[in-house]
Amino acid sequence: MPSEYAKSLGARLRSIRQQQGLSLQGVEEKSAGRWKAVVVGSYERGDRAVTVSRLAELAEFYRVPVAELLPEGSGVRHEPTNKIVLDLEKLYDQAADDLAYVARYARAIQQQRGDYNGRVLSIRADDLRALAIVYDSSPSGLVERLTEAGVTVSDPRSLFNS
């Protein structure tokens, strides 16, 4: 049974698609088969979980910011959040299943930014909000989870002075 958040996210996805005058089949055709109608439909119904990376890809396909795909009034979209800094060595070494999406997303951000210093990575507020969706959490809840796991850094300079 889809959660209320999944249903709200799906309704937002459907609204964006319809605003662009696309049917589900139209999405499949416009994307040259990259987005299957059945998959997009299952996201829209909330029957299938959408990962952060897929949500980001959908946002790019629809040419809208990721935040626009998030449901209104969800608390996730409007919660004030600053960026956080991840200790990549701890995150990648830990490789726990519960942080696998964060690690995968961090690698994607590194690739997109061409940022391979290997020690730390800033996760911007919009990225944090998108990641929180995958964990069915608020951004502050996700920050708490990351902090408890020991993968956040309060002073990134301290890593380089050791």
Protein backbone atom coordinates (compact mmCIF):
# COMPACT_ATOMS: atom_id res chain seq x y z
CA MET A 1 0.00 0.00 0.00
CA PRO A 2 1.56 3.33 -1.05
CA SER A 3 2.33 5.85 1.68
CA GLU A 4 0.60 9.21 1.64
CA TYR A 5 3.90 10.82 0.70
CA ALA A 6 4.36 8.43 -2.25
CA LYS A 7 0.83 9.26 -3.44
CA SER A 8 1.50 13.01 -3.10
CA LEU A 9 4.80 12.71 -4.94
CA GLY A 10 3.08 10.69 -7.66
CA ALA A 11 0.32 13.28 -7.99
CA ARG A 12 2.98 15.99 -8.38
CA LEU A 13 4.76 13.95 -11.06
CA ARG A 14 1.47 13.46 -12.91
CA SER A 15 0.67 17.17 -12.68
CA ILE A 16 4.04 18.18 -14.17
CA ARG A 17 3.64 15.63 -16.98
CA GLN A 18 0.13 16.80 -17.76
CA GLN A 19 1.16 20.47 -17.66
CA GLN A 20 3.59 19.61 -20.43
CA GLY A 21 0.81 18.04 -22.45
CA LEU A 22 2.30 14.57 -22.31
CA SER A 23 0.52 11.26 -21.94
CA LEU A 24 2.37 8.35 -20.36
CA GLN A 25 2.92 6.99 -23.85
CA GLY A 26 4.09 10.45 -24.92
CA VAL A 27 6.76 10.40 -22.21
CA GLU A 28 8.01 7.06 -23.48
CA GLU A 29 8.09 8.33 -27.07
CA LYS A 30 9.70 11.70 -26.24
CA SER A 31 12.38 9.94 -24.17
CA ALA A 32 13.04 7.41 -26.95
CA GLY A 33 12.12 4.59 -24.57
CA ARG A 34 14.29 5.75 -21.66
CA TRP A 35 11.15 6.30 -19.55
CA LYS A 36 8.73 3.42 -19.94
CA ALA A 37 5.06 4.40 -19.65
CA VAL A 38 4.38 1.60 -17.15
CA VAL A 39 7.25 2.74 -14.88
CA VAL A 40 6.28 6.43 -14.93
CA GLY A 41 2.66 5.41 -14.29
CA SER A 42 3.70 3.33 -11.28
CA TYR A 43 5.69 6.30 -9.91
CA GLU A 44 2.62 8.50 -10.39
CA ARG A 45 0.33 6.06 -8.57
CA GLY A 46 2.86 5.72 -5.76
CA ASP A 47 3.07 1.97 -6.40
CA ARG A 48 6.80 2.08 -7.07
CA ALA A 49 9.46 3.92 -5.07
CA VAL A 50 11.46 6.44 -7.05
CA THR A 51 15.13 6.78 -6.15
CA VAL A 52 16.80 10.15 -5.77
CA SER A 53 18.84 9.63 -8.91
CA ARG A 54 15.74 8.68 -10.94
CA LEU A 55 13.85 11.66 -9.52
CA ALA A 56 16.73 13.91 -10.57
CA GLU A 57 16.69 12.33 -14.04
CA LEU A 58 12.94 12.86 -14.31
CA ALA A 59 13.37 16.50 -13.29
CA GLU A 60 15.97 16.89 -16.02
CA PHE A 61 13.69 15.20 -18.56
CA TYR A 62 10.80 17.50 -17.61
CA ARG A 63 13.24 20.44 -17.43
CA VAL A 64 12.17 21.46 -13.93
CA PRO A 65 14.12 21.75 -10.67
CA VAL A 66 13.91 18.64 -8.49
CA ALA A 67 12.17 20.72 -5.81
CA GLU A 68 9.28 21.28 -8.24
CA LEU A 69 8.61 17.55 -8.29
CA LEU A 70 8.19 17.44 -4.54
CA PRO A 71 4.63 17.64 -3.23
CA GLU A 72 3.29 20.86 -1.75
CA GLY A 73 2.84 20.89 1.99
CA SER A 74 5.02 17.83 2.46
CA GLY A 75 7.28 19.53 4.92
CA VAL A 76 10.22 18.30 2.91
CA ARG A 77 10.07 21.03 0.35
CA HIS A 78 9.84 24.00 2.69
CA GLU A 79 11.86 22.87 5.69
CA PRO A 80 14.79 25.24 6.11
CA THR A 81 18.01 23.32 5.66
CA ASN A 82 21.59 24.35 5.19
CA LYS A 83 24.10 22.32 3.30
CA ILE A 84 25.98 19.60 5.11
CA VAL A 85 29.47 18.24 4.60
CA LEU A 86 30.00 14.51 4.29
CA ASP A 87 33.21 12.69 5.21
CA LEU A 88 33.49 10.59 2.07
CA GLU A 89 36.07 8.20 3.46
CA LYS A 90 33.80 7.28 6.37
CA LEU A 91 30.72 7.14 4.15
CA TYR A 92 32.33 4.89 1.53
CA ASP A 93 34.14 2.73 4.12
CA GLN A 94 30.95 2.21 6.07
CA ALA A 95 29.00 1.17 2.96
CA ALA A 96 26.08 0.17 5.18
CA ASP A 97 22.92 -0.79 3.36
CA ASP A 98 20.99 1.97 5.09
CA LEU A 99 23.33 4.63 3.67
CA ALA A 100 23.82 3.07 0.23
CA TYR A 101 21.65 5.69 -1.50
CA VAL A 102 23.58 8.52 0.13
CA ALA A 103 26.87 6.99 -0.98
CA ARG A 104 25.58 6.46 -4.51
CA TYR A 105 24.23 9.99 -4.68
CA ALA A 106 27.50 11.40 -3.32
CA ARG A 107 29.41 9.60 -6.07
CA ALA A 108 27.03 11.01 -8.68
CA ILE A 109 27.49 14.54 -7.32
CA GLN A 110 31.28 14.09 -7.35
CA GLN A 111 31.09 13.00 -10.97
CA GLN A 112 28.77 15.84 -11.96
CA ARG A 113 30.94 18.46 -10.24
CA GLY A 114 34.23 16.87 -11.27
CA ASP A 115 35.13 17.03 -7.56
CA TYR A 116 37.37 14.14 -6.63
CA ASN A 117 39.34 15.49 -3.65
CA GLY A 118 38.20 12.32 -1.96
CA ARG A 119 37.87 13.66 1.57
CA VAL A 120 34.69 15.71 1.86
CA LEU A 121 31.67 16.67 -0.20
CA SER A 122 29.16 19.44 0.44
CA ILE A 123 25.58 18.33 -0.01
CA ARG A 124 23.44 21.32 -0.87
CA ALA A 125 20.01 21.91 0.64
CA ASP A 126 18.17 20.87 -2.56
CA ASP A 127 20.18 17.65 -2.76
CA LEU A 128 19.47 16.97 0.90
CA ARG A 129 15.74 17.45 0.38
CA ALA A 130 15.79 15.05 -2.56
CA LEU A 131 17.76 12.45 -0.58
CA ALA A 132 15.32 12.75 2.31
CA ILE A 133 12.55 11.57 -0.02
CA VAL A 134 14.29 8.26 -0.60
CA TYR A 135 14.58 7.73 3.14
CA ASP A 136 10.97 8.81 3.70
CA SER A 137 12.31 11.41 6.11
CA SER A 138 12.56 15.14 6.58
CA PRO A 139 15.90 16.73 5.69
CA SER A 140 16.62 17.33 9.39
CA GLY A 141 15.79 13.68 10.12
CA LEU A 142 18.24 12.58 7.45
CA VAL A 143 20.93 14.92 8.81
CA GLU A 144 20.37 13.38 12.25
CA ARG A 145 20.70 9.89 10.79
CA LEU A 146 23.92 10.82 8.95
CA THR A 147 25.34 12.46 12.07
CA GLU A 148 24.54 9.39 14.17
CA ALA A 149 26.31 7.26 11.57
CA GLY A 150 29.37 9.50 11.95
CA VAL A 151 29.61 10.54 8.29
CA THR A 152 29.04 14.30 8.67
CA VAL A 153 31.79 16.84 9.31
CA SER A 154 31.21 19.97 11.36
CA ASP A 155 34.57 21.58 10.41
CA PRO A 156 35.94 20.28 7.10
CA ARG A 157 39.28 22.05 7.69
CA SER A 158 39.94 19.72 10.62
CA LEU A 159 40.31 16.80 8.19
CA PHE A 160 43.13 18.52 6.37
CA ASN A 161 45.05 19.55 9.50
CA SER A 162 45.59 16.04 10.79
